[in-house]
C-alpha atoms as a PDB file:
ATOM      1  CA  MET A   1      -0.012   0.324   0.203  1.00  0.00           C
ATOM      2  CA  ARG A   2       2.579   2.705   0.783  1.00  0.00           C
ATOM      3  CA  LYS A   3       4.833   1.735  -2.127  1.00  0.00           C
ATOM      4  CA  LEU A   4       1.725   2.247  -4.218  1.00  0.00           C
ATOM      5  CA  MET A   5       0.705   5.712  -2.845  1.00  0.00           C
ATOM      6  CA  ASN A   6       4.006   6.853  -3.123  1.00  0.00           C
ATOM      7  CA  VAL A   7       4.673   5.782  -6.289  1.00  0.00           C
ATOM      8  CA  LEU A   8       0.916   7.345  -7.712  1.00  0.00           C
ATOM      9  CA  VAL A   9       2.337  10.758  -5.732  1.00  0.00           C
ATOM     10  CA  VAL A  10       5.499  10.933  -7.707  1.00  0.00           C
ATOM     11  CA  ALA A  11       3.253   9.868 -10.706  1.00  0.00           C
ATOM     12  CA  LEU A  12       0.808  13.065  -9.760  1.00  0.00           C
ATOM     13  CA  VAL A  13       3.458  15.476  -9.222  1.00  0.00           C
ATOM     14  CA  ALA A  14       5.866  14.719 -11.637  1.00  0.00           C
ATOM     15  CA  GLY A  15       4.164  16.133 -15.261  1.00  0.00           C
ATOM     16  CA  PRO A  16       0.722  16.505 -16.920  1.00  0.00           C
ATOM     17  CA  ALA A  17       1.469  13.819 -19.122  1.00  0.00           C
ATOM     18  CA  LEU A  18       1.323  10.962 -16.450  1.00  0.00           C
ATOM     19  CA  VAL A  19      -2.084  12.511 -15.508  1.00  0.00           C
ATOM     20  CA  LEU A  20      -4.761  11.361 -16.994  1.00  0.00           C
ATOM     21  CA  GLY A  21      -8.616  11.323 -17.701  1.00  0.00           C
ATOM     22  CA  GLN A  22      -8.889  14.663 -16.850  1.00  0.00           C
ATOM     23  CA  ALA A  23     -13.087  14.825 -17.550  1.00  0.00           C
ATOM     24  CA  GLY A  24     -14.022  12.249 -15.201  1.00  0.00           C
ATOM     25  CA  ASP A  25     -17.052  11.831 -14.030  1.00  0.00           C
ATOM     26  CA  VAL A  26     -16.002  12.993  -9.957  1.00  0.00           C
ATOM     27  CA  ASN A  27     -19.789  12.119  -8.541  1.00  0.00           C
ATOM     28  CA  LYS A  28     -19.744   8.819 -10.294  1.00  0.00           C
ATOM     29  CA  VAL A  29     -15.703   8.259  -8.219  1.00  0.00           C
ATOM     30  CA  LEU A  30     -17.652   9.216  -4.949  1.00  0.00           C
ATOM     31  CA  ALA A  31     -20.528   6.679  -4.868  1.00  0.00           C
ATOM     32  CA  ASP A  32     -18.436   4.048  -5.925  1.00  0.00           C
ATOM     33  CA  MET A  33     -16.324   5.091  -3.057  1.00  0.00           C
ATOM     34  CA  ARG A  34     -19.175   5.457  -0.313  1.00  0.00           C
ATOM     35  CA  ALA A  35     -20.093   2.273  -1.782  1.00  0.00           C
ATOM     36  CA  ALA A  36     -17.126   0.530  -0.946  1.00  0.00           C
ATOM     37  CA  LEU A  37     -17.125   1.333   2.292  1.00  0.00           C
ATOM     38  CA  GLY A  38     -20.733  -0.216   2.516  1.00  0.00           C
ATOM     39  CA  GLY A  39     -23.237   1.878   0.710  1.00  0.00           C
ATOM     40  CA  ALA A  40     -24.528   5.544   0.864  1.00  0.00           C
ATOM     41  CA  ASP A  41     -27.886   4.330   2.469  1.00  0.00           C
ATOM     42  CA  LYS A  42     -25.827   2.323   5.421  1.00  0.00           C
ATOM     43  CA  LEU A  43     -23.427   5.039   5.811  1.00  0.00           C
ATOM     44  CA  ALA A  44     -26.364   7.418   6.230  1.00  0.00           C
ATOM     45  CA  THR A  45     -27.326   5.334   9.314  1.00  0.00           C
ATOM     46  CA  VAL A  46     -24.145   6.267  11.466  1.00  0.00           C
ATOM     47  CA  LYS A  47     -24.641   9.007  14.042  1.00  0.00           C
ATOM     48  CA  THR A  48     -22.341   8.512  16.698  1.00  0.00           C
ATOM     49  CA  LEU A  49     -19.368   6.602  16.312  1.00  0.00           C
ATOM     50  CA  THR A  50     -16.121   6.084  19.196  1.00  0.00           C
ATOM     51  CA  ALA A  51     -12.766   4.656  18.860  1.00  0.00           C
ATOM     52  CA  VAL A  52     -10.146   3.761  20.784  1.00  0.00           C
ATOM     53  CA  GLY A  53      -6.566   2.949  20.469  1.00  0.00           C
ATOM     54  CA  ARG A  54      -2.906   3.986  20.467  1.00  0.00           C
ATOM     55  CA  THR A  55      -0.519   6.085  18.262  1.00  0.00           C
ATOM     56  CA  GLN A  56       2.725   5.831  17.583  1.00  0.00           C
ATOM     57  CA  ARG A  57       4.976   9.193  16.996  1.00  0.00           C
ATOM     58  CA  THR A  58       7.601   9.553  15.018  1.00  0.00           C
ATOM     59  CA  SER A  59      10.348  12.171  16.433  1.00  0.00           C
ATOM     60  CA  GLN A  60      12.501  14.284  14.523  1.00  0.00           C
ATOM     61  CA  ASN A  61      15.701  12.451  15.581  1.00  0.00           C
ATOM     62  CA  GLY A  62      14.145   8.850  14.645  1.00  0.00           C
ATOM     63  CA  THR A  63      12.892   7.913  18.251  1.00  0.00           C
ATOM     64  CA  THR A  64       9.546   6.760  18.509  1.00  0.00           C
ATOM     65  CA  SER A  65       6.658   6.779  21.181  1.00  0.00           C
ATOM     66  CA  GLU A  66       3.476   5.314  21.746  1.00  0.00           C
ATOM     67  CA  ALA A  67       0.843   6.442  23.583  1.00  0.00           C
ATOM     68  CA  GLU A  68      -3.675   6.189  24.151  1.00  0.00           C
ATOM     69  CA  MET A  69      -6.326   7.817  22.509  1.00  0.00           C
ATOM     70  CA  GLU A  70      -9.741   8.300  21.856  1.00  0.00           C
ATOM     71  CA  LEU A  71     -12.020   9.619  19.491  1.00  0.00           C
ATOM     72  CA  ALA A  72     -15.843  10.531  19.617  1.00  0.00           C
ATOM     73  CA  MET A  73     -17.826  12.494  17.402  1.00  0.00           C
ATOM     74  CA  GLU A  74     -21.959  12.363  16.970  1.00  0.00           C
ATOM     75  CA  LEU A  75     -22.751  13.660  13.636  1.00  0.00           C
ATOM     76  CA  PRO A  76     -22.940  16.239  12.171  1.00  0.00           C
ATOM     77  CA  ASP A  77     -21.052  18.849  14.258  1.00  0.00           C
ATOM     78  CA  LYS A  78     -19.648  17.074  17.461  1.00  0.00           C
ATOM     79  CA  TYR A  79     -16.490  15.831  17.627  1.00  0.00           C
ATOM     80  CA  VAL A  80     -13.691  15.474  20.150  1.00  0.00           C
ATOM     81  CA  MET A  81     -10.324  14.289  20.062  1.00  0.00           C
ATOM     82  CA  ARG A  82      -7.632  12.953  23.497  1.00  0.00           C
ATOM     83  CA  SER A  83      -4.374  12.240  22.496  1.00  0.00           C
ATOM     84  CA  VAL A  84      -1.341  13.307  24.426  1.00  0.00           C
ATOM     85  CA  LEU A  85       0.070  16.722  24.470  1.00  0.00           C
ATOM     86  CA  ALA A  86       3.823  15.907  26.241  1.00  0.00           C
ATOM     87  CA  ASN A  87       5.324  12.924  27.871  1.00  0.00           C
ATOM     88  CA  MET A  88       7.047  13.975  30.647  1.00  0.00           C
ATOM     89  CA  GLY A  89       9.190  11.307  31.998  1.00  0.00           C
ATOM     90  CA  SER A  90       6.438   8.339  33.349  1.00  0.00           C
ATOM     91  CA  MET A  91       3.454  11.129  32.915  1.00  0.00           C
ATOM     92  CA  SER A  92       1.459  12.298  29.825  1.00  0.00           C
ATOM     93  CA  VAL A  93       0.189  15.596  29.745  1.00  0.00           C
ATOM     94  CA  TYR A  94      -3.550  14.992  27.365  1.00  0.00           C
ATOM     95  CA  ARG A  95      -5.373  17.784  25.459  1.00  0.00           C
ATOM     96  CA  ASN A  96      -9.109  17.196  24.466  1.00  0.00           C
ATOM     97  CA  ALA A  97      -9.482  18.986  21.219  1.00  0.00           C
ATOM     98  CA  GLY A  98     -12.201  19.463  19.283  1.00  0.00           C
ATOM     99  CA  PHE A  99     -15.915  21.701  18.722  1.00  0.00           C
ATOM    100  CA  ASN A 100     -19.564  20.945  19.472  1.00  0.00           C
ATOM    101  CA  GLY A 101     -21.831  23.265  16.918  1.00  0.00           C
ATOM    102  CA  ASN A 102     -19.766  26.299  16.799  1.00  0.00           C
ATOM    103  CA  GLY A 103     -18.482  26.220  20.824  1.00  0.00           C
ATOM    104  CA  VAL A 104     -15.157  25.142  20.784  1.00  0.00           C
ATOM    105  CA  ILE A 105     -13.688  22.119  22.768  1.00  0.00           C
ATOM    106  CA  ASN A 106     -10.043  22.479  24.380  1.00  0.00           C
ATOM    107  CA  GLU A 107      -8.236  21.246  27.350  1.00  0.00           C
ATOM    108  CA  THR A 108      -5.513  19.964  28.937  1.00  0.00           C
ATOM    109  CA  GLU A 109      -5.406  17.351  31.879  1.00  0.00           C
ATOM    110  CA  MET A 110      -2.428  17.553  33.808  1.00  0.00           C
ATOM    111  CA  PRO A 111      -1.788  14.308  35.752  1.00  0.00           C
ATOM    112  CA  PRO A 112      -1.613  15.056  39.624  1.00  0.00           C
ATOM    113  CA  ASN A 113       2.383  14.687  40.033  1.00  0.00           C
ATOM    114  CA  LEU A 114       2.052  17.953  38.218  1.00  0.00           C
ATOM    115  CA  THR A 115      -0.235  19.483  40.150  1.00  0.00           C
ATOM    116  CA  GLY A 116       0.718  19.919  43.227  1.00  0.00           C
ATOM    117  CA  GLY A 117      -2.632  17.962  44.181  1.00  0.00           C
ATOM    118  CA  GLY A 118      -4.174  14.701  44.620  1.00  0.00           C
ATOM    119  CA  GLY A 119      -6.616  14.645  41.344  1.00  0.00           C
ATOM    120  CA  MET A 120      -6.773  15.178  37.512  1.00  0.00           C
ATOM    121  CA  ILE A 121      -7.116  19.415  36.686  1.00  0.00           C
ATOM    122  CA  MET A 122      -7.924  20.791  33.197  1.00  0.00           C
ATOM    123  CA  VAL A 123      -7.070  24.184  31.671  1.00  0.00           C
ATOM    124  CA  ARG A 124      -6.966  25.944  28.289  1.00  0.00           C
ATOM    125  CA  ALA A 125      -4.487  24.050  26.013  1.00  0.00           C
ATOM    126  CA  ALA A 126      -1.722  25.887  25.090  1.00  0.00           C
ATOM    127  CA  GLY A 127      -2.190  28.518  22.174  1.00  0.00           C
ATOM    128  CA  SER A 128      -5.377  29.960  23.365  1.00  0.00           C
ATOM    129  CA  GLY A 129      -3.945  32.048  26.071  1.00  0.00           C
ATOM    130  CA  ALA A 130      -1.640  31.308  28.815  1.00  0.00           C
ATOM    131  CA  PRO A 131      -3.151  29.797  32.025  1.00  0.00           C
ATOM    132  CA  GLY A 132      -2.803  32.667  34.566  1.00  0.00           C
ATOM    133  CA  GLN A 133      -3.448  35.398  31.979  1.00  0.00           C
ATOM    134  CA  SER A 134      -6.932  36.533  30.062  1.00  0.00           C
ATOM    135  CA  GLN A 135      -7.590  37.729  26.692  1.00  0.00           C
ATOM    136  CA  THR A 136      -9.874  40.474  25.665  1.00  0.00           C
ATOM    137  CA  PRO A 137     -13.679  39.675  24.616  1.00  0.00           C
ATOM    138  CA  GLU A 138     -11.893  39.630  20.743  1.00  0.00           C
ATOM    139  CA  GLN A 139      -8.840  38.476  21.940  1.00  0.00           C
ATOM    140  CA  LYS A 140     -10.472  34.979  22.482  1.00  0.00           C
ATOM    141  CA  ALA A 141     -12.903  35.195  19.942  1.00  0.00           C
ATOM    142  CA  ALA A 142      -9.937  34.830  17.694  1.00  0.00           C
ATOM    143  CA  THR A 143      -8.228  32.662  19.483  1.00  0.00           C
ATOM    144  CA  ASP A 144     -11.432  30.257  19.755  1.00  0.00           C
ATOM    145  CA  LEU A 145     -11.959  30.467  15.928  1.00  0.00           C
ATOM    146  CA  ARG A 146      -8.900  29.353  14.770  1.00  0.00           C
ATOM    147  CA  LEU A 147      -8.561  26.088  17.321  1.00  0.00           C
ATOM    148  CA  ILE A 148     -12.119  25.582  16.216  1.00  0.00           C
ATOM    149  CA  MET A 149     -11.762  26.014  12.680  1.00  0.00           C
ATOM    150  CA  ALA A 150      -8.231  23.417  13.211  1.00  0.00           C
ATOM    151  CA  SER A 151     -10.375  20.989  14.464  1.00  0.00           C
ATOM    152  CA  LYS A 152     -12.820  21.230  11.795  1.00  0.00           C
ATOM    153  CA  LYS A 153     -10.306  20.397   8.994  1.00  0.00           C
ATOM    154  CA  ASP A 154      -9.327  17.549  11.411  1.00  0.00           C
ATOM    155  CA  PHE A 155     -12.560  16.242  11.591  1.00  0.00           C
ATOM    156  CA  ALA A 156     -12.456  16.362   7.214  1.00  0.00           C
ATOM    157  CA  ARG A 157      -9.648  14.384   7.093  1.00  0.00           C
ATOM    158  CA  MET A 158     -10.641  11.738   9.137  1.00  0.00           C
ATOM    159  CA  THR A 159     -14.440  11.699   7.570  1.00  0.00           C
ATOM    160  CA  LEU A 160     -13.251  11.303   4.552  1.00  0.00           C
ATOM    161  CA  GLY A 161     -11.627   8.204   4.206  1.00  0.00           C
ATOM    162  CA  MET A 162     -14.103   6.600   6.700  1.00  0.00           C
ATOM    163  CA  PHE A 163     -17.169   7.459   5.222  1.00  0.00           C
ATOM    164  CA  GLY A 164     -16.098   9.415   1.706  1.00  0.00           C
ATOM    165  CA  SER A 165     -18.320  12.496   2.325  1.00  0.00           C
ATOM    166  CA  SER A 166     -18.667  15.927   3.591  1.00  0.00           C
ATOM    167  CA  PHE A 167     -20.553  17.523   6.433  1.00  0.00           C
ATOM    168  CA  ASP A 168     -22.394  20.534   7.586  1.00  0.00           C
ATOM    169  CA  ALA A 169     -20.123  20.964  10.377  1.00  0.00           C
ATOM    170  CA  PHE A 170     -17.222  21.527   7.646  1.00  0.00           C
ATOM    171  CA  PRO A 171     -19.163  21.514   4.270  1.00  0.00           C
ATOM    172  CA  LEU A 172     -16.529  20.406   1.217  1.00  0.00           C
ATOM    173  CA  GLU A 173     -16.558  20.651  -2.680  1.00  0.00           C
ATOM    174  CA  PHE A 174     -15.406  18.000  -5.088  1.00  0.00           C
ATOM    175  CA  ALA A 175     -13.665  18.412  -8.522  1.00  0.00           C
ATOM    176  CA  TYR A 176     -12.385  15.208 -10.617  1.00  0.00           C
ATOM    177  CA  ALA A 177      -8.117  15.925 -11.036  1.00  0.00           C
ATOM    178  CA  GLY A 178      -6.923  13.238 -13.073  1.00  0.00           C
ATOM    179  CA  GLN A 179      -6.373   9.851 -12.894  1.00  0.00           C
ATOM    180  CA  ALA A 180      -2.554   8.743 -11.480  1.00  0.00           C
ATOM    181  CA  GLU A 181      -0.886   5.966 -12.789  1.00  0.00           C
ATOM    182  CA  SER A 182       1.906   3.252 -11.614  1.00  0.00           C
ATOM    183  CA  PRO A 183       2.282  -0.375 -12.532  1.00  0.00           C
ATOM    184  CA  ASP A 184       0.401  -1.006  -9.078  1.00  0.00           C
ATOM    185  CA  GLY A 185      -2.231   0.246 -10.569  1.00  0.00           C
ATOM    186  CA  LYS A 186      -4.189   3.451 -10.587  1.00  0.00           C
ATOM    187  CA  ALA A 187      -6.068   6.091  -8.343  1.00  0.00           C
ATOM    188  CA  HIS A 188      -8.797   8.321  -8.860  1.00  0.00           C
ATOM    189  CA  VAL A 189      -7.731  11.848  -7.900  1.00  0.00           C
ATOM    190  CA  ILE A 190     -10.396  14.216  -6.245  1.00  0.00           C
ATOM    191  CA  ALA A 191      -9.463  17.568  -5.857  1.00  0.00           C
ATOM    192  CA  VAL A 192     -11.321  18.985  -2.377  1.00  0.00           C
ATOM    193  CA  THR A 193     -12.176  22.322  -1.278  1.00  0.00           C
ATOM    194  CA  GLY A 194     -13.199  23.962   1.637  1.00  0.00           C
ATOM    195  CA  ALA A 195     -13.933  26.704   4.025  1.00  0.00           C
ATOM    196  CA  ASP A 196     -10.731  28.934   5.632  1.00  0.00           C
ATOM    197  CA  ASN A 197      -8.323  27.912   2.300  1.00  0.00           C
ATOM    198  CA  PHE A 198      -9.161  23.982   2.699  1.00  0.00           C
ATOM    199  CA  SER A 199      -7.830  22.318  -0.131  1.00  0.00           C
ATOM    200  CA  ALA A 200      -6.641  18.972  -0.551  1.00  0.00           C
ATOM    201  CA  LYS A 201      -5.765  15.563  -2.791  1.00  0.00           C
ATOM    202  CA  LEU A 202      -7.794  12.902  -2.325  1.00  0.00           C
ATOM    203  CA  PHE A 203      -6.535   9.626  -4.025  1.00  0.00           C
ATOM    204  CA  VAL A 204      -9.240   6.846  -4.412  1.00  0.00           C
ATOM    205  CA  ASP A 205      -7.873   3.030  -5.769  1.00  0.00           C
ATOM    206  CA  ALA A 206      -9.510   2.712  -9.189  1.00  0.00           C
ATOM    207  CA  GLN A 207      -9.390  -0.922  -8.060  1.00  0.00           C
ATOM    208  CA  THR A 208     -11.034  -1.663  -5.021  1.00  0.00           C
ATOM    209  CA  ASN A 209     -12.556   2.093  -4.848  1.00  0.00           C
ATOM    210  CA  LEU A 210     -11.738   2.418  -1.141  1.00  0.00           C
ATOM    211  CA  PRO A 211      -9.786   5.676  -0.402  1.00  0.00           C
ATOM    212  CA  LEU A 212      -6.080   5.611  -0.197  1.00  0.00           C
ATOM    213  CA  MET A 213      -4.823   8.763   1.126  1.00  0.00           C
ATOM    214  CA  LEU A 214      -5.126  12.630   1.290  1.00  0.00           C
ATOM    215  CA  SER A 215      -2.319  15.487   0.736  1.00  0.00           C
ATOM    216  CA  TRP A 216      -1.908  18.928   1.374  1.00  0.00           C
ATOM    217  CA  SER A 217      -0.181  21.534   1.517  1.00  0.00           C
ATOM    218  CA  ASP A 218       0.524  23.681   5.167  1.00  0.00           C
ATOM    219  CA  ARG A 219       3.284  24.887   7.197  1.00  0.00           C
ATOM    220  CA  GLU A 220       5.345  22.854   9.171  1.00  0.00           C
ATOM    221  CA  PRO A 221       3.831  21.862  12.342  1.00  0.00           C
ATOM    222  CA  LEU A 222       5.117  23.997  15.951  1.00  0.00           C
ATOM    223  CA  VAL A 223       7.533  21.212  17.428  1.00  0.00           C
ATOM    224  CA  MET A 224       8.062  21.101  21.554  1.00  0.00           C
ATOM    225  CA  THR A 225      10.036  18.629  22.617  1.00  0.00           C
ATOM    226  CA  GLN A 226      11.265  18.618  26.581  1.00  0.00           C
ATOM    227  CA  THR A 227      14.547  16.685  27.755  1.00  0.00           C
ATOM    228  CA  ILE A 228      15.293  16.189  31.865  1.00  0.00           C
ATOM    229  CA  ASN A 229      18.852  17.078  32.667  1.00  0.00           C
ATOM    230  CA  ARG A 230      19.140  14.740  35.700  1.00  0.00           C
ATOM    231  CA  GLY A 231      22.202  16.089  37.922  1.00  0.00           C
ATOM    232  CA  GLY A 232      23.689  12.415  39.102  1.00  0.00           C
ATOM    233  CA  GLY A 233      23.285  10.103  36.485  1.00  0.00           C
ATOM    234  CA  PRO A 234      20.247   7.739  35.928  1.00  0.00           C
ATOM    235  CA  GLY A 235      16.821   8.136  38.834  1.00  0.00           C
ATOM    236  CA  ALA A 236      18.576  10.650  39.867  1.00  0.00           C
ATOM    237  CA  ALA A 237      15.982  13.857  40.071  1.00  0.00           C
ATOM    238  CA  PRO A 238      15.963  16.219  37.924  1.00  0.00           C
ATOM    239  CA  ALA A 239      18.907  19.132  38.650  1.00  0.00           C
ATOM    240  CA  ALA A 240      17.898  22.990  38.990  1.00  0.00           C
ATOM    241  CA  GLY A 241      16.470  24.382  36.333  1.00  0.00           C
ATOM    242  CA  GLY A 242      15.914  21.297  34.750  1.00  0.00           C
ATOM    243  CA  HIS A 243      13.341  20.952  32.699  1.00  0.00           C
ATOM    244  CA  THR A 244      14.261  22.175  28.812  1.00  0.00           C
ATOM    245  CA  VAL A 245      11.536  22.674  26.028  1.00  0.00           C
ATOM    246  CA  GLN A 246      13.156  23.007  22.748  1.00  0.00           C
ATOM    247  CA  MET A 247      10.616  24.800  19.802  1.00  0.00           C
ATOM    248  CA  GLY A 248      10.496  24.824  15.997  1.00  0.00           C
ATOM    249  CA  GLY A 249      12.360  27.895  14.895  1.00  0.00           C
ATOM    250  CA  GLY A 250      14.969  27.536  17.290  1.00  0.00           C
ATOM    251  CA  ALA A 251      13.247  28.871  20.642  1.00  0.00           C
ATOM    252  CA  SER A 252      13.831  27.373  23.783  1.00  0.00           C
ATOM    253  CA  PHE A 253      13.608  27.952  27.418  1.00  0.00           C
ATOM    254  CA  THR A 254      14.104  25.834  30.973  1.00  0.00           C
ATOM    255  CA  THR A 255      12.086  25.610  34.082  1.00  0.00           C
ATOM    256  CA  GLY A 256      11.708  22.843  37.150  1.00  0.00           C
ATOM    257  CA  THR A 257      13.014  23.748  40.680  1.00  0.00           C
ATOM    258  CA  GLY A 258      16.151  21.334  41.916  1.00  0.00           C
ATOM    259  CA  GLY A 259      15.020  17.883  42.884  1.00  0.00           C
ATOM    260  CA  LYS A 260      10.876  18.599  42.772  1.00  0.00           C
ATOM    261  CA  PRO A 261       8.483  18.273  40.216  1.00  0.00           C
ATOM    262  CA  PRO A 262       6.940  21.630  38.884  1.00  0.00           C
ATOM    263  CA  THR A 263       3.969  22.932  41.126  1.00  0.00           C
ATOM    264  CA  GLU A 264       0.853  24.163  39.733  1.00  0.00           C
ATOM    265  CA  GLU A 265       2.452  27.441  39.624  1.00  0.00           C
ATOM    266  CA  GLU A 266       5.445  26.362  37.771  1.00  0.00           C
ATOM    267  CA  MET A 267       3.843  24.642  35.270  1.00  0.00           C
ATOM    268  CA  LYS A 268       1.157  27.605  35.162  1.00  0.00           C
ATOM    269  CA  LYS A 269       4.647  29.289  34.394  1.00  0.00           C
ATOM    270  CA  MET A 270       6.281  26.783  31.949  1.00  0.00           C
ATOM    271  CA  MET A 271       3.022  27.205  29.811  1.00  0.00           C
ATOM    272  CA  ALA A 272       2.884  31.171  29.681  1.00  0.00           C
ATOM    273  CA  ASP A 273       6.466  30.558  28.931  1.00  0.00           C
ATOM    274  CA  ALA A 274       5.608  27.968  25.767  1.00  0.00           C
ATOM    275  CA  GLU A 275       2.677  30.833  24.446  1.00  0.00           C
ATOM    276  CA  ALA A 276       5.050  33.969  24.439  1.00  0.00           C
ATOM    277  CA  ARG A 277       8.062  31.656  22.074  1.00  0.00           C
ATOM    278  CA  ARG A 278       5.184  30.383  20.114  1.00  0.00           C
ATOM    279  CA  LYS A 279       4.621  33.104  18.161  1.00  0.00           C
ATOM    280  CA  GLU A 280       8.641  34.148  17.065  1.00  0.00           C
ATOM    281  CA  ALA A 281       8.891  30.065  16.524  1.00  0.00           C
ATOM    282  CA  GLU A 282       6.623  30.798  14.182  1.00  0.00           C
ATOM    283  CA  ALA A 283       8.234  32.768  11.840  1.00  0.00           C
ATOM    284  CA  ALA A 284      10.911  30.124  10.419  1.00  0.00           C
ATOM    285  CA  LEU A 285       7.737  27.538   9.184  1.00  0.00           C
ATOM    286  CA  LYS A 286       7.959  26.746   6.068  1.00  0.00           C
ATOM    287  CA  VAL A 287       5.289  25.040   3.679  1.00  0.00           C
ATOM    288  CA  VAL A 288       5.147  21.286   3.506  1.00  0.00           C
ATOM    289  CA  GLU A 289       3.295  18.551   2.340  1.00  0.00           C
ATOM    290  CA  TYR A 290       1.264  16.269   4.508  1.00  0.00           C
ATOM    291  CA  ARG A 291      -0.246  13.243   3.650  1.00  0.00           C
ATOM    292  CA  ILE A 292      -2.532  10.601   5.322  1.00  0.00           C
ATOM    293  CA  TYR A 293      -3.027   6.693   4.368  1.00  0.00           C
ATOM    294  CA  TYR A 294      -6.017   5.306   5.065  1.00  0.00           C
ATOM    295  CA  SER A 295      -5.451   1.586   5.086  1.00  0.00           C
ATOM    296  CA  ASN A 296      -6.992  -1.910   6.992  1.00  0.00           C
ATOM    297  CA  PHE A 297     -10.014  -1.728   6.703  1.00  0.00           C
ATOM    298  CA  LYS A 298     -12.621  -3.704   8.606  1.00  0.00           C
ATOM    299  CA  ALA A 299     -15.958  -3.819   8.668  1.00  0.00           C
ATOM    300  CA  VAL A 300     -18.375  -2.062  11.698  1.00  0.00           C
ATOM    301  CA  ASN A 301     -21.471  -2.704  11.731  1.00  0.00           C
ATOM    302  CA  GLY A 302     -22.057  -3.388   7.926  1.00  0.00           C
ATOM    303  CA  VAL A 303     -19.627  -0.277   7.244  1.00  0.00           C
ATOM    304  CA  LYS A 304     -15.653  -0.311   6.047  1.00  0.00           C
ATOM    305  CA  ILE A 305     -13.552   2.434   8.602  1.00  0.00           C
ATOM    306  CA  PRO A 306     -10.087   2.568   8.051  1.00  0.00           C
ATOM    307  CA  HIS A 307      -8.643   0.802  11.578  1.00  0.00           C
ATOM    308  CA  THR A 308      -4.387   1.976  10.270  1.00  0.00           C
ATOM    309  CA  LEU A 309      -3.913   5.705   9.987  1.00  0.00           C
ATOM    310  CA  GLN A 310      -0.690   6.832   8.367  1.00  0.00           C
ATOM    311  CA  ARG A 311       0.744  10.196   8.838  1.00  0.00           C
ATOM    312  CA  SER A 312       3.602  11.946   6.623  1.00  0.00           C
ATOM    313  CA  ILE A 313       5.216  15.547   7.058  1.00  0.00           C
ATOM    314  CA  ASP A 314       7.507  16.677   3.854  1.00  0.00           C
ATOM    315  CA  GLY A 315       7.855  12.628   3.424  1.00  0.00           C
ATOM    316  CA  LYS A 316       8.729  12.159   6.034  1.00  0.00           C
ATOM    317  CA  PRO A 317       6.506   9.700   8.618  1.00  0.00           C
ATOM    318  CA  THR A 318       5.350  11.155  11.812  1.00  0.00           C
ATOM    319  CA  GLU A 319       2.469   9.512  13.369  1.00  0.00           C
ATOM    320  CA  GLU A 320       0.305   5.836  12.818  1.00  0.00           C
ATOM    321  CA  THR A 321      -3.029   5.396  14.860  1.00  0.00           C
ATOM    322  CA  THR A 322      -4.334   1.953  15.160  1.00  0.00           C
ATOM    323  CA  PHE A 323      -7.878   1.203  16.159  1.00  0.00           C
ATOM    324  CA  GLU A 324      -8.090  -1.175  18.082  1.00  0.00           C
ATOM    325  CA  GLN A 325     -12.205  -0.656  18.556  1.00  0.00           C
ATOM    326  CA  ILE A 326     -14.628   1.245  16.875  1.00  0.00           C
ATOM    327  CA  LYS A 327     -18.175   1.206  17.786  1.00  0.00           C
ATOM    328  CA  VAL A 328     -20.405   2.245  15.631  1.00  0.00           C
ATOM    329  CA  ASN A 329     -23.630   4.078  16.712  1.00  0.00           C
ATOM    330  CA  PRO A 330     -22.824   3.672  20.754  1.00  0.00           C
ATOM    331  CA  LYS A 331     -24.503   6.219  23.283  1.00  0.00           C
ATOM    332  CA  ILE A 332     -22.342   9.136  24.242  1.00  0.00           C
ATOM    333  CA  ASP A 333     -22.645  11.276  27.122  1.00  0.00           C
ATOM    334  CA  LYS A 334     -23.260  14.588  26.454  1.00  0.00           C
ATOM    335  CA  GLN A 335     -20.943  15.743  28.830  1.00  0.00           C
ATOM    336  CA  LYS A 336     -18.334  14.495  26.210  1.00  0.00           C
ATOM    337  CA  PHE A 337     -19.085  16.974  24.114  1.00  0.00           C
ATOM    338  CA  ALA A 338     -18.891  19.764  26.643  1.00  0.00           C
ATOM    339  CA  VAL A 339     -17.463  23.508  25.618  1.00  0.00           C
ATOM    340  CA  THR A 340     -14.374  24.941  26.978  1.00  0.00           C
ATOM    341  CA  LYS A 341     -15.707  27.657  29.337  1.00  0.00           C
END
């Protein structure tokens, strides 16, 4: 599958001579794809969907980490993804990101050892205004709009591979863009556009009619990595100021107190510092190609759903999510989609 996809993308971008069938019928390709996914009528019966699994991420230096993830959606306009925001030794910081209609879901779960208390606390996620710092109504509205559009685009990219359709939460338009060909097979290429400059190409296997890959261009992600400097060898407590966070664009800062986990106040300061550095780091980001590969399709309640999503940025594998369990039309607690205040 990966070999086919790489060859197909090369064929598409290499030159017009390798892009065939420019006058193809986009409606037929979409209809065939939905039929392969279970049929339009069956797909229309899907009202809710949940998934749990694991995501393996590959860092810029080649190291990998794995963590659990959760997904929930209530079509057409509720969606939330719970994933790891940062790994800090044996502890993880989770982010809940999504939307409920036009309301944003954007929270960070801090484990007890980082809060200095006995339980999990929730704070606004990085990028939404640093904890302890207030935003003007105008700033909050702009931040919420940016976050909700990012989540709606993620929702659109995922549901394209699951249902071959768009939803009212983020309507899309489709146009036939050609056919890519390689010795391993052919793929229809569909141009997909939407609000907020959303633009992508959806590759559909011409033989199986299943979605193969989505490709788009955007600025490279702002990567934050953390190292803990230990003063006395393996197992020793962090040295004073031992938590160092490095960000894309060359920005970095250090936080922490000697021999102790950061308190809640120190953690808030760390996030505030990260927010202050974010803008200067963003200036160094370039535009690159992103891809999502859909594979490992399995039937769930009569609907074929990809159980593996592989992602790459600028030609480098970055993430692979494997859904260990997917439920179609389960009852979902409405609190799951609670809008962040």
